[in-house]
Amino acid sequence: MIRAAVVGAAGYIGGEVLRLLLGHPRVEVAAAVSSRFPGKRVDGPHPNLRGVTDLTFCTEEQLTEYDVLFLATPHRTTMRTLPRLAALAKTVIDLSGDFRLRDAEVFRRYYGEPHEAPELLDEFVPGFPELAREQLTGADRIAVPGCMAAAAILALTPLTDEGLIEPDVDVDARTGSSGSGATAGEANLHAERSGALRLFATSGHRHEAEIAQACGVRPTMTATGVEAVRGVQVVCRTRLREGITEQEVRAAYRRRYAEEPFVRVVAQRRGLYRLPEPKILLGSNFCDVGFALQPDSRRLLAVSALDNLVKGGAGNAVQSLNVRMGWPERLGLEFPGLHPV
């Protein structure tokens, strides 16, 4: 049994980390940090945890020593706090965007300010078992990818691994309101969000840099906020290289994900759920990926879906912890999702 602490535990991602760890057979949640609710019960902001834990929030100053530290803090915050928190645990798993990119100049361009701990960037391994399983084994610094970036990367990787597509990719992402966090402000009020299809980050979305870094493509990304609370669906529009057939594309997906415990290939010709749909993935650590070709054309749609708080965040973090510790990857992550919802 290892001891874990979660910093930023009152937010949506932090709460999801708590939910998964409280059900994990080899982890004890020893501390949950919140600057907003110190001394208050965890099941206040996270009512789904009623009867599951009597834990109360503490402050950063009350932290002691742990085996693993999860940082569910806002973007641009982790790089400031990590130098003083890193000594508290052998393993640090960061769920913010601060250590996802390897290049400090790329970070500055996409996040709008210089990185405050550039000397630490090379210490972090991607918290992405499907791409970095060998690196994660024994890793002490882990950076979990962004939710829409993770979905796009999993959709594109079979195609880029085998050189099946041209490098220019349009990434069209749709996301539920929980992706904006628990303190998102006026734009996320029900009166403003309900019924809206809000296009945001119409150029220079920060996930472009993650997709380019992982897949070696030239992505142009837009994201749209939709009515849902949870869930991400990503449609990547690209072109096959000359002479590539549908059969080769299907075979590439099957080969790439044949042994992956949490990626399923969904590309059927009929049925209600013939392409990836986030609704049936809610609460699960699965990412469904699929594709569709336009007839008599080299135009390809690569599609993926996941729960932004689980496979797009907390679930990837716990899966990465399982890999790092040499445990079965499914440990604590067996929930399959619900249908109907």
Protein backbone atom coordinates (compact mmCIF):
# COMPACT_ATOMS: atom_id res chain seq x y z
CA MET A 1 0.00 0.00 0.00
CA ILE A 2 1.35 3.42 -0.98
CA ARG A 3 0.37 6.82 0.46
CA ALA A 4 -0.90 9.50 -1.93
CA ALA A 5 -1.65 13.21 -1.62
CA VAL A 6 -3.75 15.24 -4.07
CA VAL A 7 -3.12 18.98 -4.43
CA GLY A 8 -5.99 20.92 -5.99
CA ALA A 9 -8.37 18.25 -4.72
CA ALA A 10 -11.50 20.44 -4.65
CA GLY A 11 -11.68 20.87 -8.44
CA TYR A 12 -13.33 18.55 -10.93
CA ILE A 13 -10.09 16.80 -11.94
CA GLY A 14 -8.89 16.65 -8.33
CA GLY A 15 -12.21 15.14 -7.28
CA GLU A 16 -11.95 12.54 -10.00
CA VAL A 17 -8.44 11.63 -8.85
CA LEU A 18 -9.84 11.20 -5.33
CA ARG A 19 -12.72 9.04 -6.58
CA LEU A 20 -10.40 6.69 -8.42
CA LEU A 21 -7.77 6.49 -5.69
CA LEU A 22 -10.33 5.86 -2.94
CA GLY A 23 -11.39 2.76 -4.88
CA HIS A 24 -7.83 1.66 -5.66
CA PRO A 25 -6.79 -1.46 -3.73
CA ARG A 26 -3.13 -0.44 -3.40
CA VAL A 27 -3.40 3.28 -2.60
CA GLU A 28 -4.22 5.10 0.62
CA VAL A 29 -5.34 8.71 0.14
CA ALA A 30 -3.46 10.38 2.97
CA ALA A 31 -4.06 14.05 2.13
CA ALA A 32 -6.30 16.24 -0.05
CA VAL A 33 -5.24 19.88 -0.41
CA SER A 34 -7.61 22.77 -1.08
CA SER A 35 -6.89 26.47 -0.61
CA ARG A 36 -10.65 27.18 -0.73
CA PHE A 37 -11.91 24.59 1.77
CA PRO A 38 -9.24 23.87 4.39
CA GLY A 39 -10.70 21.90 7.30
CA LYS A 40 -13.91 21.11 5.39
CA ARG A 41 -14.98 17.61 4.46
CA VAL A 42 -14.04 16.33 1.02
CA ASP A 43 -17.62 15.17 0.39
CA GLY A 44 -18.82 18.78 0.45
CA PRO A 45 -17.66 19.81 -3.04
CA HIS A 46 -17.67 16.12 -4.05
CA PRO A 47 -21.05 14.80 -2.86
CA ASN A 48 -20.56 11.58 -4.82
CA LEU A 49 -17.97 10.64 -2.17
CA ARG A 50 -20.47 10.68 0.71
CA GLY A 51 -20.11 7.48 2.72
CA VAL A 52 -16.87 6.66 0.90
CA THR A 53 -14.46 8.77 2.95
CA ASP A 54 -14.31 10.95 6.09
CA LEU A 55 -11.29 12.84 4.72
CA THR A 56 -11.07 16.61 5.25
CA PHE A 57 -9.14 19.10 3.15
CA CYS A 58 -5.80 20.38 4.41
CA THR A 59 -3.46 23.17 3.33
CA GLU A 60 -0.16 22.80 1.47
CA GLU A 61 1.64 23.75 4.69
CA GLN A 62 0.17 20.69 6.42
CA LEU A 63 1.61 18.23 3.90
CA THR A 64 4.28 15.83 5.17
CA GLU A 65 5.81 12.98 3.13
CA TYR A 66 4.11 10.68 0.64
CA ASP A 67 4.91 8.06 -1.96
CA VAL A 68 3.11 9.89 -4.76
CA LEU A 69 1.87 13.45 -5.18
CA PHE A 70 -0.89 14.28 -7.69
CA LEU A 71 -0.96 17.94 -8.78
CA ALA A 72 -4.42 18.88 -10.06
CA THR A 73 -3.61 22.58 -9.96
CA PRO A 74 -4.39 25.20 -12.65
CA HIS A 75 -2.18 25.78 -15.68
CA ARG A 76 0.75 28.10 -14.89
CA THR A 77 0.49 27.26 -11.17
CA THR A 78 2.31 23.94 -11.04
CA MET A 79 5.55 25.33 -12.46
CA ARG A 80 5.63 27.80 -9.54
CA THR A 81 4.74 25.34 -6.78
CA LEU A 82 6.60 22.23 -7.94
CA PRO A 83 10.07 23.30 -6.73
CA ARG A 84 8.84 23.47 -3.12
CA LEU A 85 6.46 20.47 -3.30
CA ALA A 86 8.70 18.02 -5.16
CA ALA A 87 10.62 17.04 -2.03
CA LEU A 88 7.43 15.72 -0.40
CA ALA A 89 7.12 12.64 -2.62
CA LYS A 90 9.35 10.40 -4.70
CA THR A 91 6.82 10.38 -7.55
CA VAL A 92 4.99 13.48 -8.84
CA ILE A 93 2.13 13.22 -11.33
CA ASP A 94 1.12 16.58 -12.82
CA LEU A 95 -2.30 17.02 -14.43
CA SER A 96 -1.80 20.65 -15.49
CA GLY A 97 -0.32 21.80 -18.79
CA ASP A 98 2.92 23.08 -17.31
CA PHE A 99 5.18 20.12 -18.06
CA ARG A 100 3.54 18.55 -21.11
CA LEU A 101 5.76 20.34 -23.64
CA ARG A 102 9.48 19.70 -23.89
CA ASP A 103 10.37 23.08 -25.42
CA ALA A 104 10.18 26.19 -23.19
CA GLU A 105 9.80 28.48 -26.21
CA VAL A 106 6.82 26.47 -27.50
CA PHE A 107 5.32 26.73 -24.01
CA ARG A 108 5.73 30.51 -24.03
CA ARG A 109 4.09 30.75 -27.44
CA TYR A 110 1.03 28.69 -26.50
CA TYR A 111 0.59 29.64 -22.84
CA GLY A 112 1.41 33.33 -23.18
CA GLU A 113 4.20 33.61 -20.62
CA PRO A 114 7.71 32.26 -20.01
CA HIS A 115 8.08 28.92 -18.25
CA GLU A 116 9.25 29.48 -14.67
CA ALA A 117 10.99 26.12 -14.26
CA PRO A 118 12.39 25.27 -17.73
CA GLU A 119 15.22 23.26 -16.18
CA LEU A 120 12.62 20.68 -15.04
CA LEU A 121 10.95 20.09 -18.43
CA ASP A 122 13.28 17.25 -19.41
CA GLU A 123 12.58 15.42 -16.15
CA PHE A 124 8.95 14.70 -17.08
CA VAL A 125 7.71 11.62 -18.92
CA PRO A 126 4.34 11.76 -20.73
CA GLY A 127 1.54 10.30 -18.61
CA PHE A 128 0.32 8.43 -21.64
CA PRO A 129 0.75 4.64 -21.34
CA GLU A 130 -0.16 3.99 -24.97
CA LEU A 131 2.77 6.13 -26.12
CA ALA A 132 5.29 6.02 -23.26
CA ARG A 133 4.82 2.74 -21.41
CA GLU A 134 8.54 1.91 -21.24
CA GLN A 135 9.44 5.44 -20.10
CA LEU A 136 6.77 5.33 -17.39
CA THR A 137 8.23 2.24 -15.78
CA GLY A 138 9.98 3.63 -12.72
CA ALA A 139 9.45 7.29 -13.76
CA ASP A 140 9.42 9.85 -10.92
CA ARG A 141 8.08 12.86 -12.87
CA ILE A 142 4.96 12.30 -14.99
CA ALA A 143 2.94 14.88 -17.00
CA VAL A 144 -0.57 13.82 -18.02
CA PRO A 145 -1.73 15.11 -21.45
CA GLY A 146 -4.69 17.39 -22.03
CA CYS A 147 -8.06 15.75 -22.65
CA MET A 148 -8.65 16.88 -26.25
CA ALA A 149 -4.98 16.39 -27.07
CA ALA A 150 -5.11 12.82 -25.75
CA ALA A 151 -8.17 12.05 -27.86
CA ALA A 152 -6.62 13.49 -31.03
CA ILE A 153 -3.27 11.78 -30.46
CA LEU A 154 -4.90 8.37 -29.98
CA ALA A 155 -6.95 8.90 -33.15
CA LEU A 156 -3.91 9.89 -35.22
CA THR A 157 -1.12 7.66 -33.87
CA PRO A 158 -1.90 4.52 -35.96
CA LEU A 159 -1.90 6.70 -39.07
CA THR A 160 1.29 8.62 -38.30
CA ASP A 161 3.17 5.57 -36.99
CA GLU A 162 2.81 3.93 -40.39
CA GLY A 163 3.08 7.08 -42.52
CA LEU A 164 -0.42 6.74 -43.96
CA ILE A 165 -1.46 10.41 -43.95
CA GLU A 166 -0.23 13.79 -45.09
CA PRO A 167 1.08 16.12 -42.37
CA ASP A 168 -1.66 18.79 -42.37
CA VAL A 169 -4.52 17.92 -40.00
CA ASP A 170 -7.63 19.89 -39.02
CA VAL A 171 -8.64 18.97 -35.48
CA ASP A 172 -12.29 19.70 -34.61
CA ALA A 173 -12.96 19.07 -30.90
CA ARG A 174 -16.22 19.20 -28.91
CA THR A 175 -16.16 19.25 -25.12
CA GLY A 176 -18.53 19.33 -22.17
CA SER A 177 -18.58 22.10 -19.56
CA SER A 178 -16.57 20.22 -16.92
CA GLY A 179 -13.50 20.73 -19.11
CA SER A 180 -13.49 24.38 -18.03
CA GLY A 181 -13.06 23.46 -14.37
CA ALA A 182 -15.01 24.11 -11.18
CA THR A 183 -14.22 27.84 -11.10
CA ALA A 184 -14.67 28.70 -14.79
CA GLY A 185 -16.70 31.86 -14.22
CA GLU A 186 -19.49 33.60 -16.12
CA ALA A 187 -19.00 31.82 -19.43
CA ASN A 188 -19.83 28.52 -17.77
CA LEU A 189 -23.01 29.62 -15.97
CA HIS A 190 -25.96 27.39 -16.87
CA ALA A 191 -27.86 30.40 -18.24
CA GLU A 192 -25.00 31.13 -20.64
CA ARG A 193 -23.89 27.60 -21.48
CA SER A 194 -27.21 25.77 -21.84
CA GLY A 195 -28.28 25.37 -25.46
CA ALA A 196 -25.09 26.99 -26.73
CA LEU A 197 -22.50 25.71 -29.18
CA ARG A 198 -19.64 28.01 -28.18
CA LEU A 199 -16.62 28.04 -30.46
CA PHE A 200 -13.50 29.04 -28.56
CA ALA A 201 -9.75 29.17 -29.17
CA THR A 202 -10.25 29.57 -32.92
CA SER A 203 -6.49 29.73 -33.46
CA GLY A 204 -3.44 28.72 -31.49
CA HIS A 205 -5.18 26.28 -29.15
CA ARG A 206 -2.58 24.99 -26.68
CA HIS A 207 -3.37 21.35 -27.51
CA GLU A 208 -2.00 21.91 -31.03
CA ALA A 209 1.51 21.87 -29.55
CA GLU A 210 0.91 18.56 -27.77
CA ILE A 211 -0.50 16.93 -30.89
CA ALA A 212 2.41 18.16 -33.03
CA GLN A 213 4.94 16.98 -30.43
CA ALA A 214 3.43 13.49 -30.16
CA CYS A 215 2.47 12.82 -33.79
CA GLY A 216 4.78 14.93 -35.92
CA VAL A 217 1.88 16.52 -37.84
CA ARG A 218 0.92 20.15 -38.51
CA PRO A 219 -2.40 20.50 -36.65
CA THR A 220 -4.87 23.36 -36.82
CA MET A 221 -7.34 23.04 -33.97
CA THR A 222 -10.67 24.51 -32.95
CA ALA A 223 -12.81 23.53 -29.96
CA THR A 224 -16.52 23.91 -29.33
CA GLY A 225 -18.27 23.84 -25.96
CA VAL A 226 -21.42 21.71 -26.14
CA GLU A 227 -24.40 21.09 -23.87
CA ALA A 228 -22.89 18.02 -22.16
CA VAL A 229 -21.20 18.15 -18.75
CA ARG A 230 -18.65 15.40 -19.44
CA GLY A 231 -17.21 14.05 -22.63
CA VAL A 232 -14.92 14.90 -25.53
CA GLN A 233 -15.29 13.97 -29.19
CA VAL A 234 -12.55 14.86 -31.66
CA VAL A 235 -12.75 14.69 -35.46
CA CYS A 236 -9.40 14.92 -37.25
CA ARG A 237 -9.71 15.74 -40.96
CA THR A 238 -6.75 14.74 -43.06
CA ARG A 239 -5.76 13.08 -46.35
CA LEU A 240 -4.35 9.65 -47.00
CA ARG A 241 -1.14 9.40 -48.95
CA GLU A 242 -1.47 8.28 -52.54
CA GLY A 243 -2.37 4.61 -52.89
CA ILE A 244 -3.39 3.92 -49.27
CA THR A 245 -6.58 1.83 -49.00
CA GLU A 246 -9.32 1.57 -46.37
CA GLN A 247 -8.15 -1.95 -45.57
CA GLU A 248 -4.67 -0.65 -44.75
CA VAL A 249 -6.12 2.01 -42.47
CA ARG A 250 -8.28 -0.50 -40.60
CA ALA A 251 -5.35 -2.88 -40.24
CA ALA A 252 -3.16 -0.08 -38.85
CA TYR A 253 -5.70 0.69 -36.12
CA ARG A 254 -6.12 -2.98 -35.25
CA ARG A 255 -2.38 -3.58 -35.02
CA ARG A 256 -1.67 -0.48 -32.97
CA TYR A 257 -4.34 -1.06 -30.33
CA ALA A 258 -4.70 -4.85 -30.29
CA GLU A 259 -3.05 -5.15 -26.86
CA GLU A 260 -4.16 -1.86 -25.30
CA PRO A 261 -6.47 -2.31 -22.30
CA PHE A 262 -8.26 1.04 -22.66
CA VAL A 263 -8.38 1.83 -26.39
CA ARG A 264 -11.10 0.26 -28.55
CA VAL A 265 -11.40 0.52 -32.32
CA VAL A 266 -14.97 1.50 -33.25
CA ALA A 267 -15.48 1.89 -37.00
CA GLN A 268 -18.64 0.05 -38.02
CA ARG A 269 -20.83 0.40 -41.07
CA ARG A 270 -24.16 0.32 -39.23
CA GLY A 271 -25.68 0.68 -35.80
CA LEU A 272 -26.38 3.59 -33.44
CA TYR A 273 -22.81 3.75 -32.16
CA ARG A 274 -20.82 2.99 -35.29
CA LEU A 275 -18.23 5.70 -34.55
CA PRO A 276 -16.83 6.86 -31.19
CA GLU A 277 -19.41 8.54 -28.96
CA PRO A 278 -18.53 10.00 -25.54
CA LYS A 279 -21.96 9.39 -24.00
CA ILE A 280 -21.32 5.69 -23.42
CA LEU A 281 -17.83 6.32 -22.02
CA LEU A 282 -18.79 8.56 -19.10
CA GLY A 283 -16.98 7.56 -15.91
CA SER A 284 -14.78 5.06 -17.73
CA ASN A 285 -11.09 5.11 -18.66
CA PHE A 286 -11.76 3.99 -22.24
CA CYS A 287 -10.97 5.95 -25.37
CA ASP A 288 -12.79 4.78 -28.49
CA VAL A 289 -11.14 5.53 -31.83
CA GLY A 290 -12.38 5.05 -35.36
CA PHE A 291 -12.34 6.44 -38.88
CA ALA A 292 -14.40 7.08 -41.97
CA LEU A 293 -13.30 7.60 -45.56
CA GLN A 294 -15.13 9.76 -48.04
CA PRO A 295 -16.02 7.66 -51.11
CA ASP A 296 -13.73 8.03 -54.12
CA SER A 297 -11.49 10.38 -52.19
CA ARG A 298 -8.35 10.34 -50.06
CA ARG A 299 -10.09 12.42 -47.41
CA LEU A 300 -10.14 10.68 -44.04
CA LEU A 301 -11.93 11.44 -40.78
CA ALA A 302 -10.16 10.03 -37.72
CA VAL A 303 -12.58 10.12 -34.78
CA SER A 304 -12.10 9.58 -31.05
CA ALA A 305 -14.11 9.98 -27.86
CA LEU A 306 -13.40 9.83 -24.13
CA ASP A 307 -14.49 11.16 -20.75
CA ASN A 308 -12.42 14.32 -20.30
CA LEU A 309 -12.16 13.83 -16.52
CA VAL A 310 -11.12 10.17 -16.68
CA LYS A 311 -9.13 9.01 -19.72
CA GLY A 312 -8.66 12.71 -20.46
CA GLY A 313 -7.22 13.36 -16.99
CA ALA A 314 -7.50 11.46 -13.72
CA GLY A 315 -7.81 8.00 -15.28
CA ASN A 316 -4.69 8.49 -17.39
CA ALA A 317 -2.91 9.63 -14.23
CA VAL A 318 -3.92 6.50 -12.30
CA GLN A 319 -3.14 4.25 -15.26
CA SER A 320 0.30 5.88 -15.44
CA LEU A 321 0.78 5.25 -11.72
CA ASN A 322 -0.09 1.58 -12.26
CA VAL A 323 2.52 1.32 -15.00
CA ARG A 324 5.11 3.17 -12.95
CA MET A 325 4.59 0.82 -9.98
CA GLY A 326 4.51 -2.36 -12.09
CA TRP A 327 0.88 -3.06 -11.21
CA PRO A 328 -1.84 -4.33 -13.61
CA GLU A 329 -2.93 -1.36 -15.70
CA ARG A 330 -6.64 -1.96 -15.09
CA LEU A 331 -6.25 -1.76 -11.30
CA GLY A 332 -8.81 0.71 -9.93
CA LEU A 333 -10.05 1.53 -13.45
CA GLU A 334 -12.42 -1.34 -14.28
CA PHE A 335 -15.65 0.67 -14.53
CA PRO A 336 -16.94 0.18 -18.12
CA GLY A 337 -19.27 3.18 -18.50
CA LEU A 338 -23.07 3.27 -18.55
CA HIS A 339 -25.78 2.69 -21.13
CA PRO A 340 -28.31 4.15 -21.41
CA VAL A 341 -27.47 7.46 -19.78
